[in-house]
Protein backbone atom coordinates (compact mmCIF):
# COMPACT_ATOMS: atom_id res chain seq x y z
CA UNK A 1 169.05 123.67 127.82
CA UNK A 2 167.81 126.36 129.47
CA UNK A 3 170.45 129.80 129.14
CA UNK A 4 172.42 129.91 132.09
CA UNK A 5 170.80 132.60 134.24
CA UNK A 6 168.73 132.11 137.23
CA UNK A 7 166.77 133.92 139.34
CA UNK A 8 167.37 134.48 143.37
CA UNK A 9 165.74 132.31 145.73
CA UNK A 10 164.31 134.30 149.10
CA UNK A 11 165.75 132.48 151.59
CA UNK A 12 163.52 131.45 154.54
CA UNK A 13 164.96 129.26 157.24
CA UNK A 14 168.03 128.60 158.46
CA UNK A 15 169.22 125.52 160.14
CA UNK A 16 170.47 125.36 163.44
CA UNK A 17 173.49 123.12 164.27
CA UNK A 18 174.55 121.11 167.09
CA UNK A 19 178.20 120.09 168.31
CA UNK A 20 178.74 116.47 168.20
CA UNK A 21 180.82 114.56 170.35
CA UNK A 22 183.23 113.52 168.00
CA UNK A 23 184.00 117.73 166.33
CA UNK A 24 186.93 118.50 165.21
CA UNK A 25 186.98 121.84 167.95
CA UNK A 26 184.73 122.88 170.04
CA UNK A 27 184.28 126.38 167.88
CA UNK A 28 182.65 124.16 164.61
CA UNK A 29 178.74 123.63 164.58
CA UNK A 30 177.94 120.35 162.99
CA UNK A 31 174.24 119.58 161.90
CA UNK A 32 173.86 115.85 161.34
CA UNK A 33 171.32 113.25 160.83
CA UNK A 34 171.08 111.18 164.21
CA UNK A 35 172.64 108.39 162.20
CA UNK A 36 175.97 109.79 161.29
CA UNK A 37 178.90 110.48 163.63
CA UNK A 38 182.27 112.38 163.23
CA UNK A 39 185.43 110.56 163.09
CA UNK A 40 188.20 113.15 162.21
CA UNK A 41 189.73 115.32 160.06
CA UNK A 42 192.93 115.00 158.09
CA UNK A 43 194.50 118.55 157.14
CA UNK A 44 196.49 118.88 153.61
CA UNK A 45 199.73 120.59 153.88
CA UNK A 46 200.24 123.30 151.63
CA UNK A 47 203.17 122.01 149.28
CA UNK A 48 203.46 124.17 145.73
CA UNK A 49 201.84 127.12 146.67
CA UNK A 50 200.32 128.97 150.26
CA UNK A 51 196.69 127.13 150.03
CA UNK A 52 196.73 124.53 152.21
CA UNK A 53 193.71 121.31 151.74
CA UNK A 54 191.46 122.08 147.96
CA UNK A 55 190.44 118.91 148.37
CA UNK A 56 188.76 117.60 145.27
CA UNK A 57 188.17 113.49 144.22
CA UNK A 58 188.72 110.52 146.04
CA UNK A 59 189.46 106.81 145.03
CA UNK A 60 190.43 103.71 147.19
CA UNK A 61 192.39 100.95 146.49
CA UNK A 62 193.61 97.76 148.79
CA UNK A 63 197.16 97.42 148.47
CA UNK A 64 200.37 95.20 150.08
CA UNK A 65 203.07 97.10 152.39
CA UNK A 66 205.41 94.66 153.57
CA UNK A 67 203.12 91.66 153.01
CA UNK A 68 200.56 93.24 154.79
CA UNK A 69 197.16 94.21 152.56
CA UNK A 70 196.16 97.67 154.22
CA UNK A 71 193.02 100.14 152.81
CA UNK A 72 194.17 103.51 151.52
CA UNK A 73 191.79 106.43 150.28
CA UNK A 74 193.70 108.58 147.18
CA UNK A 75 192.83 112.04 147.75
CA UNK A 76 193.12 114.81 145.10
CA UNK A 77 194.00 118.40 145.43
CA UNK A 78 194.46 121.57 143.85
CA UNK A 79 198.26 121.88 143.96
CA UNK A 80 199.03 120.09 147.18
CA UNK A 81 199.25 116.83 145.31
CA UNK A 82 197.34 113.19 145.88
CA UNK A 83 197.11 112.57 149.24
CA UNK A 84 197.90 108.55 149.67
CA UNK A 85 195.38 108.14 153.61
CA UNK A 86 195.88 104.52 155.40
CA UNK A 87 192.37 104.14 156.41
CA UNK A 88 192.50 100.60 157.29
CA UNK A 89 191.65 101.59 160.67
CA UNK A 90 189.66 104.50 159.86
CA UNK A 91 189.66 105.89 163.50
CA UNK A 92 193.63 105.84 163.46
CA UNK A 93 193.33 107.37 159.35
CA UNK A 94 196.77 108.96 158.74
CA UNK A 95 198.51 110.85 155.44
CA UNK A 96 201.02 107.70 154.70
CA UNK A 97 202.08 109.47 151.72
CA UNK A 98 202.01 111.96 149.29
CA UNK A 99 202.14 112.29 145.38
CA UNK A 100 203.74 115.39 144.89
CA UNK A 101 202.27 117.24 141.87
CA UNK A 102 201.64 120.68 141.97
CA UNK A 103 198.23 120.63 139.72
CA UNK A 104 195.05 122.60 139.34
CA UNK A 105 192.57 119.62 139.22
CA UNK A 106 193.69 116.91 140.57
CA UNK A 107 190.84 114.28 139.55
CA UNK A 108 192.09 110.45 140.35
CA UNK A 109 191.09 106.79 139.10
CA UNK A 110 192.82 103.72 140.32
CA UNK A 111 193.31 101.17 137.53
CA UNK A 112 195.23 97.30 136.81
CA UNK A 113 195.66 95.75 133.63
CA UNK A 114 195.78 92.23 133.10
CA UNK A 115 199.16 92.57 131.08
CA UNK A 116 200.93 94.38 134.36
CA UNK A 117 199.91 91.80 137.24
CA UNK A 118 200.39 92.71 140.62
CA UNK A 119 200.82 96.29 140.01
CA UNK A 120 198.43 99.46 140.70
CA UNK A 121 198.51 102.53 138.74
CA UNK A 122 196.28 105.93 139.24
CA UNK A 123 195.55 108.65 137.04
CA UNK A 124 196.42 112.21 138.20
CA UNK A 125 194.85 115.55 136.00
CA UNK A 126 196.27 118.89 135.10
CA UNK A 127 193.69 121.39 133.56
CA UNK A 128 194.57 125.23 133.60
CA UNK A 129 197.90 125.44 135.94
CA UNK A 130 200.71 122.98 136.27
CA UNK A 131 203.92 124.50 138.22
CA UNK A 132 206.13 122.38 136.11
CA UNK A 133 208.65 121.95 139.34
CA UNK A 134 206.98 119.65 141.57
CA UNK A 135 207.95 115.82 141.57
CA UNK A 136 205.40 114.61 139.03
CA UNK A 137 206.93 117.45 136.43
CA UNK A 138 210.48 116.14 137.35
CA UNK A 139 210.03 112.27 137.05
CA UNK A 140 208.19 112.45 133.81
CA UNK A 141 211.10 114.87 132.54
CA UNK A 142 213.36 111.98 133.49
CA UNK A 143 211.20 109.44 131.50
CA UNK A 144 211.71 111.51 128.39
CA UNK A 145 208.48 113.63 128.37
CA UNK A 146 208.45 117.67 127.12
CA UNK A 147 206.65 119.20 130.47
CA UNK A 148 206.88 122.97 130.21
CA UNK A 149 205.21 125.26 127.72
CA UNK A 150 207.30 127.97 126.24
CA UNK A 151 206.28 130.30 129.15
CA UNK A 152 207.64 128.30 131.63
CA UNK A 153 204.81 126.54 133.34
CA UNK A 154 203.98 123.10 133.79
CA UNK A 155 202.16 121.58 130.65
CA UNK A 156 198.51 120.32 131.34
CA UNK A 157 197.08 116.56 131.05
CA UNK A 158 196.96 113.44 132.69
CA UNK A 159 199.65 111.82 134.58
CA UNK A 160 199.97 107.80 135.47
CA UNK A 161 201.70 107.02 138.17
CA UNK A 162 202.09 103.15 139.87
CA UNK A 163 201.26 102.90 143.17
CA UNK A 164 202.05 99.65 143.78
CA UNK A 165 204.18 100.25 146.46
CA UNK A 166 201.43 103.24 147.82
CA UNK A 167 204.66 104.68 150.32
CA UNK A 168 206.81 105.20 147.20
CA UNK A 169 204.44 106.42 144.36
CA UNK A 170 206.32 107.30 140.92
CA UNK A 171 205.82 108.95 137.80
CA UNK A 172 205.10 106.29 134.96
CA UNK A 173 203.52 108.26 131.88
CA UNK A 174 202.34 111.64 131.24
CA UNK A 175 199.96 112.33 128.61
CA UNK A 176 199.31 115.91 127.19
CA UNK A 177 196.17 117.53 125.98
CA UNK A 178 196.30 120.79 125.02
CA UNK A 179 193.07 121.68 126.33
CA UNK A 180 193.75 120.74 129.85
CA UNK A 181 192.44 117.34 131.92
CA UNK A 182 189.53 118.27 133.60
CA UNK A 183 188.41 114.99 134.16
CA UNK A 184 189.64 111.56 133.07
CA UNK A 185 188.73 108.24 132.89
CA UNK A 186 190.56 105.07 132.07
CA UNK A 187 188.70 102.24 130.25
CA UNK A 188 188.27 98.86 132.19
CA UNK A 189 190.83 97.68 130.04
CA UNK A 190 193.47 99.82 131.22
CA UNK A 191 194.85 100.55 128.24
CA UNK A 192 192.77 103.40 126.55
CA UNK A 193 192.01 106.69 128.38
CA UNK A 194 189.01 109.15 127.78
CA UNK A 195 189.72 112.53 128.41
CA UNK A 196 187.07 115.34 129.44
CA UNK A 197 188.75 119.03 128.93
CA UNK A 198 185.57 120.65 130.27
CA UNK A 199 186.24 124.17 127.96
CA UNK A 200 183.34 126.08 127.85
CA UNK A 201 181.35 127.53 124.83
CA UNK A 202 184.82 129.32 123.31
CA UNK A 203 185.76 125.44 122.35
CA UNK A 204 184.67 125.52 118.97
CA UNK A 205 185.24 121.60 118.21
CA UNK A 206 183.99 120.01 120.83
CA UNK A 207 185.05 116.37 121.34
CA UNK A 208 186.67 113.87 123.65
CA UNK A 209 190.18 112.82 123.31
CA UNK A 210 190.94 109.36 123.59
CA UNK A 211 194.33 108.05 123.87
CA UNK A 212 196.30 104.65 123.45
CA UNK A 213 198.13 104.05 126.73
CA UNK A 214 199.22 100.36 126.28
CA UNK A 215 202.66 101.63 125.93
CA UNK A 216 203.28 104.07 129.03
CA UNK A 217 206.50 105.50 127.51
CA UNK A 218 204.37 106.58 124.00
CA UNK A 219 201.02 107.55 125.02
CA UNK A 220 199.52 108.44 121.60
CA UNK A 221 196.15 109.98 120.43
CA UNK A 222 193.54 107.04 119.30
CA UNK A 223 190.43 109.01 118.23
CA UNK A 224 188.74 112.31 118.87
CA UNK A 225 185.09 111.79 119.17
CA UNK A 226 183.42 114.64 118.04
CA UNK A 227 180.25 115.93 120.68
CA UNK A 228 177.26 117.58 119.04
CA UNK A 229 177.46 121.50 119.74
CA UNK A 230 174.34 122.54 121.79
CA UNK A 231 173.65 125.86 122.98
CA UNK A 232 174.28 126.51 126.46
CA UNK A 233 177.50 127.13 128.55
CA UNK A 234 179.69 125.05 126.30
CA UNK A 235 179.18 121.24 124.87
CA UNK A 236 182.30 119.47 125.76
CA UNK A 237 182.51 116.59 127.85
CA UNK A 238 183.14 117.17 131.53
CA UNK A 239 182.92 113.80 133.04
CA UNK A 240 182.79 110.57 131.69
CA UNK A 241 181.75 106.80 133.29
CA UNK A 242 182.15 103.24 131.70
CA UNK A 243 179.50 100.22 132.47
CA UNK A 244 181.73 97.38 134.22
CA UNK A 245 182.47 95.34 131.31
CA UNK A 246 184.03 98.60 129.44
CA UNK A 247 180.90 98.64 126.46
CA UNK A 248 179.29 101.87 127.05
CA UNK A 249 180.59 105.37 128.30
CA UNK A 250 178.27 108.10 129.74
CA UNK A 251 179.47 111.64 129.44
CA UNK A 252 177.87 114.43 131.06
CA UNK A 253 178.76 116.99 128.76
CA UNK A 254 177.85 120.38 130.18
CA UNK A 255 174.96 121.01 127.84
CA UNK A 256 174.06 117.54 127.18
CA UNK A 257 173.73 113.99 128.06
CA UNK A 258 176.22 111.64 125.67
CA UNK A 259 175.84 107.60 125.74
CA UNK A 260 178.70 106.23 123.67
CA UNK A 261 179.26 102.64 122.29
CA UNK A 262 182.69 101.69 123.75
CA UNK A 263 182.41 98.30 122.69
CA UNK A 264 186.09 98.76 120.59
CA UNK A 265 187.70 101.49 122.87
CA UNK A 266 189.71 102.88 120.17
CA UNK A 267 186.82 103.51 118.22
CA UNK A 268 184.02 104.49 120.00
CA UNK A 269 180.95 105.81 118.22
CA UNK A 270 178.08 108.17 119.81
CA UNK A 271 174.52 106.14 120.64
CA UNK A 272 172.51 109.53 121.01
CA UNK A 273 173.28 113.02 122.75
CA UNK A 274 170.01 113.96 124.82
CA UNK A 275 168.55 117.15 126.08
CA UNK A 276 166.71 118.25 129.46
CA UNK A 277 165.68 121.93 129.69
CA UNK A 278 165.75 121.25 133.57
CA UNK A 279 169.05 120.61 133.63
CA UNK A 280 171.58 123.57 134.19
CA UNK A 281 175.10 122.47 134.09
CA UNK A 282 175.78 117.94 133.08
CA UNK A 283 178.35 117.40 135.52
CA UNK A 284 178.36 114.18 136.42
CA UNK A 285 176.76 110.95 134.50
CA UNK A 286 176.66 107.27 136.03
CA UNK A 287 174.86 104.25 135.08
CA UNK A 288 173.25 101.47 137.32
CA UNK A 289 170.96 98.37 137.69
CA UNK A 290 168.35 97.23 139.40
CA UNK A 291 166.06 94.44 139.38
CA UNK A 292 162.14 95.05 139.35
CA UNK A 293 160.14 93.68 142.30
CA UNK A 294 157.40 92.80 140.30
CA UNK A 295 158.01 91.55 136.92
CA UNK A 296 161.69 90.49 137.87
CA UNK A 297 163.25 92.34 134.98
CA UNK A 298 166.78 94.41 135.30
CA UNK A 299 165.89 97.91 134.47
CA UNK A 300 169.29 100.20 133.54
CA UNK A 301 168.85 103.81 135.16
CA UNK A 302 171.38 106.96 134.93
CA UNK A 303 171.84 109.30 137.27
CA UNK A 304 172.71 112.99 136.00
CA UNK A 305 173.94 115.65 138.63
CA UNK A 306 173.34 119.04 137.79
CA UNK A 307 175.92 121.28 139.44
CA UNK A 308 173.87 124.53 138.80
CA UNK A 309 175.85 127.69 137.59
CA UNK A 310 179.25 125.85 137.79
CA UNK A 311 179.19 125.90 141.51
CA UNK A 312 179.38 130.10 141.50
CA UNK A 313 178.55 130.63 145.23
CA UNK A 314 175.00 132.37 145.26
CA UNK A 315 174.50 132.45 149.31
CA UNK A 316 171.49 129.52 149.53
CA UNK A 317 170.78 126.16 149.74
CA UNK A 318 169.75 124.32 147.77
CA UNK A 319 170.65 124.70 144.06
CA UNK A 320 171.24 121.46 141.87
CA UNK A 321 170.18 117.84 142.54
CA UNK A 322 169.91 114.62 140.53
CA UNK A 323 167.99 114.03 137.62
CA UNK A 324 167.19 110.24 136.80
CA UNK A 325 166.64 108.60 132.98
CA UNK A 326 165.29 105.29 132.45
CA UNK A 327 168.05 103.75 129.65
CA UNK A 328 166.61 99.87 129.40
CA UNK A 329 166.59 98.41 125.93
CA UNK A 330 165.56 100.79 123.48
CA UNK A 331 165.27 103.43 125.75
CA UNK A 332 169.01 104.08 125.42
CA UNK A 333 168.54 105.99 122.25
CA UNK A 334 165.99 108.32 123.91
CA UNK A 335 166.35 108.26 127.72
CA UNK A 336 163.03 108.68 129.51
CA UNK A 337 163.21 110.59 132.29
CA UNK A 338 161.67 109.15 135.75
CA UNK A 339 162.12 111.66 138.19
CA UNK A 340 164.28 114.06 140.47
CA UNK A 341 166.03 114.48 143.73
CA UNK A 342 167.10 117.25 145.49
CA UNK A 343 168.12 118.20 149.55
CA UNK A 344 165.02 119.96 150.98
CA UNK A 345 167.43 122.12 153.63
CA UNK A 346 166.29 125.90 152.38
CA UNK A 347 168.00 128.24 154.18
CA UNK A 348 171.09 130.84 153.42
CA UNK A 349 174.76 129.45 153.16
CA UNK A 350 177.03 130.13 156.21
CA UNK A 351 178.86 132.45 153.68
CA UNK A 352 177.15 134.71 150.59
CA UNK A 353 180.26 133.27 148.30
CA UNK A 354 179.39 129.67 149.12
CA UNK A 355 177.68 127.01 146.72
CA UNK A 356 174.90 124.71 147.51
CA UNK A 357 174.66 122.41 144.86
CA UNK A 358 174.91 118.63 143.94
CA UNK A 359 178.54 117.47 143.14
CA UNK A 360 180.55 114.28 142.88
CA UNK A 361 178.62 111.27 144.03
CA UNK A 362 179.02 107.37 144.21
CA UNK A 363 176.01 104.86 143.37
CA UNK A 364 176.66 101.18 145.34
CA UNK A 365 174.28 99.17 143.17
CA UNK A 366 173.78 96.19 145.37
CA UNK A 367 172.72 98.13 148.47
CA UNK A 368 170.68 100.65 146.47
CA UNK A 369 172.46 103.59 148.14
CA UNK A 370 174.36 106.63 146.61
CA UNK A 371 176.41 109.30 148.60
CA UNK A 372 176.98 112.45 147.45
CA UNK A 373 178.79 116.25 148.04
CA UNK A 374 176.93 119.23 148.39
CA UNK A 375 179.58 122.06 148.70
CA UNK A 376 178.14 123.87 151.79
CA UNK A 377 175.51 121.18 152.27
CA UNK A 378 178.40 119.12 153.41
CA UNK A 379 177.52 114.89 152.75
CA UNK A 380 174.47 112.84 151.97
CA UNK A 381 173.55 109.22 152.10
CA UNK A 382 170.64 108.71 149.85
CA UNK A 383 168.34 105.79 149.52
CA UNK A 384 167.83 104.90 145.79
CA UNK A 385 166.36 101.18 146.29
CA UNK A 386 162.81 102.23 145.76
CA UNK A 387 163.47 103.49 142.30
CA UNK A 388 161.93 100.51 140.72
CA UNK A 389 158.71 99.06 141.19
CA UNK A 390 156.51 102.56 141.01
CA UNK A 391 155.15 104.72 138.33
CA UNK A 392 158.08 107.18 139.06
CA UNK A 393 157.36 109.74 136.57
CA UNK A 394 153.60 109.95 137.67
CA UNK A 395 153.04 109.93 141.37
CA UNK A 396 155.37 111.69 143.81
CA UNK A 397 152.67 111.17 146.66
CA UNK A 398 154.14 107.74 147.47
CA UNK A 399 155.55 107.08 150.58
CA UNK A 400 159.15 106.46 149.68
CA UNK A 401 158.64 107.06 145.88
CA UNK A 402 162.03 107.59 143.78
CA UNK A 403 164.80 108.44 146.25
CA UNK A 404 165.21 109.56 149.69
CA UNK A 405 167.57 111.03 152.29
CA UNK A 406 168.76 108.74 155.20
CA UNK A 407 171.62 110.28 156.62
CA UNK A 408 173.70 113.81 156.42
CA UNK A 409 176.71 115.75 158.06
CA UNK A 410 177.63 118.91 157.65
CA UNK A 411 179.92 121.32 159.30
CA UNK A 412 179.73 125.26 159.51
CA UNK A 413 182.84 125.74 157.31
CA UNK A 414 181.41 122.69 154.63
CA UNK A 415 182.76 122.87 151.14
CA UNK A 416 182.75 119.16 150.49
CA UNK A 417 183.42 118.45 146.63
CA UNK A 418 183.54 114.57 146.89
CA UNK A 419 181.49 111.86 148.95
CA UNK A 420 182.53 108.13 148.72
CA UNK A 421 183.01 105.24 150.63
CA UNK A 422 185.06 102.09 149.77
CA UNK A 423 182.80 99.40 150.71
CA UNK A 424 179.10 99.05 152.62
CA UNK A 425 179.10 96.17 155.43
CA UNK A 426 176.60 93.40 155.28
CA UNK A 427 174.63 95.34 158.16
CA UNK A 428 174.85 98.72 156.24
CA UNK A 429 177.07 100.67 158.18
CA UNK A 430 180.03 101.94 156.69
CA UNK A 431 182.76 104.82 156.85
CA UNK A 432 182.12 107.66 154.81
CA UNK A 433 184.94 110.05 152.81
CA UNK A 434 184.68 113.75 152.27
CA UNK A 435 187.10 115.20 150.00
CA UNK A 436 186.77 119.12 151.44
CA UNK A 437 188.07 122.50 149.91
CA UNK A 438 188.18 124.28 153.13
CA UNK A 439 189.00 121.44 155.17
CA UNK A 440 190.98 118.41 153.82
CA UNK A 441 189.70 114.96 154.25
CA UNK A 442 186.67 114.36 156.63
CA UNK A 443 185.86 111.08 157.65
CA UNK A 444 182.50 110.28 159.12
CA UNK A 445 180.58 107.06 160.18
CA UNK A 446 177.23 105.99 159.09
CA UNK A 447 175.40 103.67 161.62
CA UNK A 448 172.39 101.43 159.69
CA UNK A 449 170.27 101.52 162.80
CA UNK A 450 170.43 104.99 163.80
CA UNK A 451 167.96 107.46 163.45
CA UNK A 452 167.76 108.68 159.79
CA UNK A 453 167.41 112.05 158.65
CA UNK A 454 164.46 113.89 159.81
CA UNK A 455 163.58 114.90 155.70
CA UNK A 456 163.62 112.73 152.68
CA UNK A 457 164.75 115.46 150.47
CA UNK A 458 162.15 116.11 147.93
CA UNK A 459 161.73 113.81 144.77
CA UNK A 460 159.87 115.53 141.67
CA UNK A 461 158.26 114.40 138.44
CA UNK A 462 159.77 115.36 135.51
CA UNK A 463 157.27 118.10 135.22
CA UNK A 464 158.21 119.48 138.83
CA UNK A 465 161.54 119.46 138.32
CA UNK A 466 161.38 121.83 135.16
CA UNK A 467 159.19 124.24 137.01
CA UNK A 468 161.82 123.97 140.09
CA UNK A 469 164.59 124.65 137.67
CA UNK A 470 163.17 127.60 136.85
CA UNK A 471 162.95 129.45 140.38
CA UNK A 472 167.03 128.99 140.85
CA UNK A 473 168.80 132.00 141.15
CA UNK A 474 170.16 134.21 138.13
CA UNK A 475 173.70 134.08 137.61
CA UNK A 476 175.43 134.93 134.46
CA UNK A 477 178.13 132.32 133.61
CA UNK A 478 180.55 132.81 130.79
CA UNK A 479 184.52 132.37 130.26
CA UNK A 480 185.20 135.30 132.79
CA UNK A 481 183.05 134.63 136.06
CA UNK A 482 185.43 131.45 136.68
CA UNK A 483 182.93 129.23 138.28
CA UNK A 484 185.01 126.85 140.86
CA UNK A 485 184.63 123.82 139.67
CA UNK A 486 184.69 124.58 135.83
CA UNK A 487 187.18 127.30 135.74
CA UNK A 488 189.46 126.52 139.12
CA UNK A 489 191.08 130.00 140.10
CA UNK A 490 194.72 130.79 139.39
């Protein structure tokens, strides 16, 4: 990985926005493709401090309330708790309840367990700051957990809560992690929690902490999976994604990618750790498979998102994008890079402190769609169906090669952390949910038959991606510069 310093790009153009009919207010300037419209905004009240909103990750669940199956968005936040939003009718979406938890990060995951039929759980992370007094801490204390540090602040780690009744979420466990839980991922069995502390180079023994949570009342450390130390910002895991069967985990570990055999979840082992000098900060790593129309064979891919400079504001767009690797068969041990994609929107950000780099994304494998947030770049819908059937690493001149943007929406004060949808309808339409630092929850509608983005974005070969990476802005990163995603503000 190249040194985490980047050269400033001269900004040449500025997109002029239009105000859509569904805009939240007449003062907001919105830009968007013809196939995306604005539905509504739901701000988050300041609960454990003075700052509202601070939206982070988002997940979804279908749950029964009074015998009726309803759809919910579960939107994390800094300090303001998990927002439980009824999206059964997206145009009438409302915050139905809040899991009150005064922590920084708020990464959320929904999981179920075969030995707990009919029950639904979520995990919710505390990375650097926990108030120690909000409901999640009080409930954990009542369960017998030691929830306070010697200085009186709340301990860090992951809360487990039951949301079977989404209107009355309740804490059922607390997994303490001394280095904090920046992100965490529950194994598909629902019995093991893999922690990503995302600490920087000051962490001298990088490892993924694996906890056995079979007994919610007594979570225990099952293993610390040591990670190779690599040059760069750090080599702790930032994020982990499992495949559907739970036999593999994929970690974006700041300065490296790691593929892990998790067939025995209590005893994982590393298959490979690989580097890419074009990646600045390895932030998210998700696998997916597609069928090659020429051969009829399945190909396995891995998308790595590059959160350039840890999302420090550089005042221009774009910064990092997504890198794509083939991990089919034997390539799992030596991933083959097939290309790179980024938005093609060269402009200054709305404020000089804004970031415009790829962030949390979601893949819908069957439909060949990826949704992704870009901070001040708003939310994007990307067609990934052409990742098979062409010589990706050799030719970017083929129309539609690789990946292409088909929809986008950006408000003037956008600071979008994550962009996901629970489902895509048979005709390709869907509602997109953007969890935003400045705004709270934004809801958009994607109309598959509408006019697509004027620009596909830019698909690059591996060589072109490496050249592009050397043009990005120069930012010195260390443990005191506090990039927003990596080191949240106090």
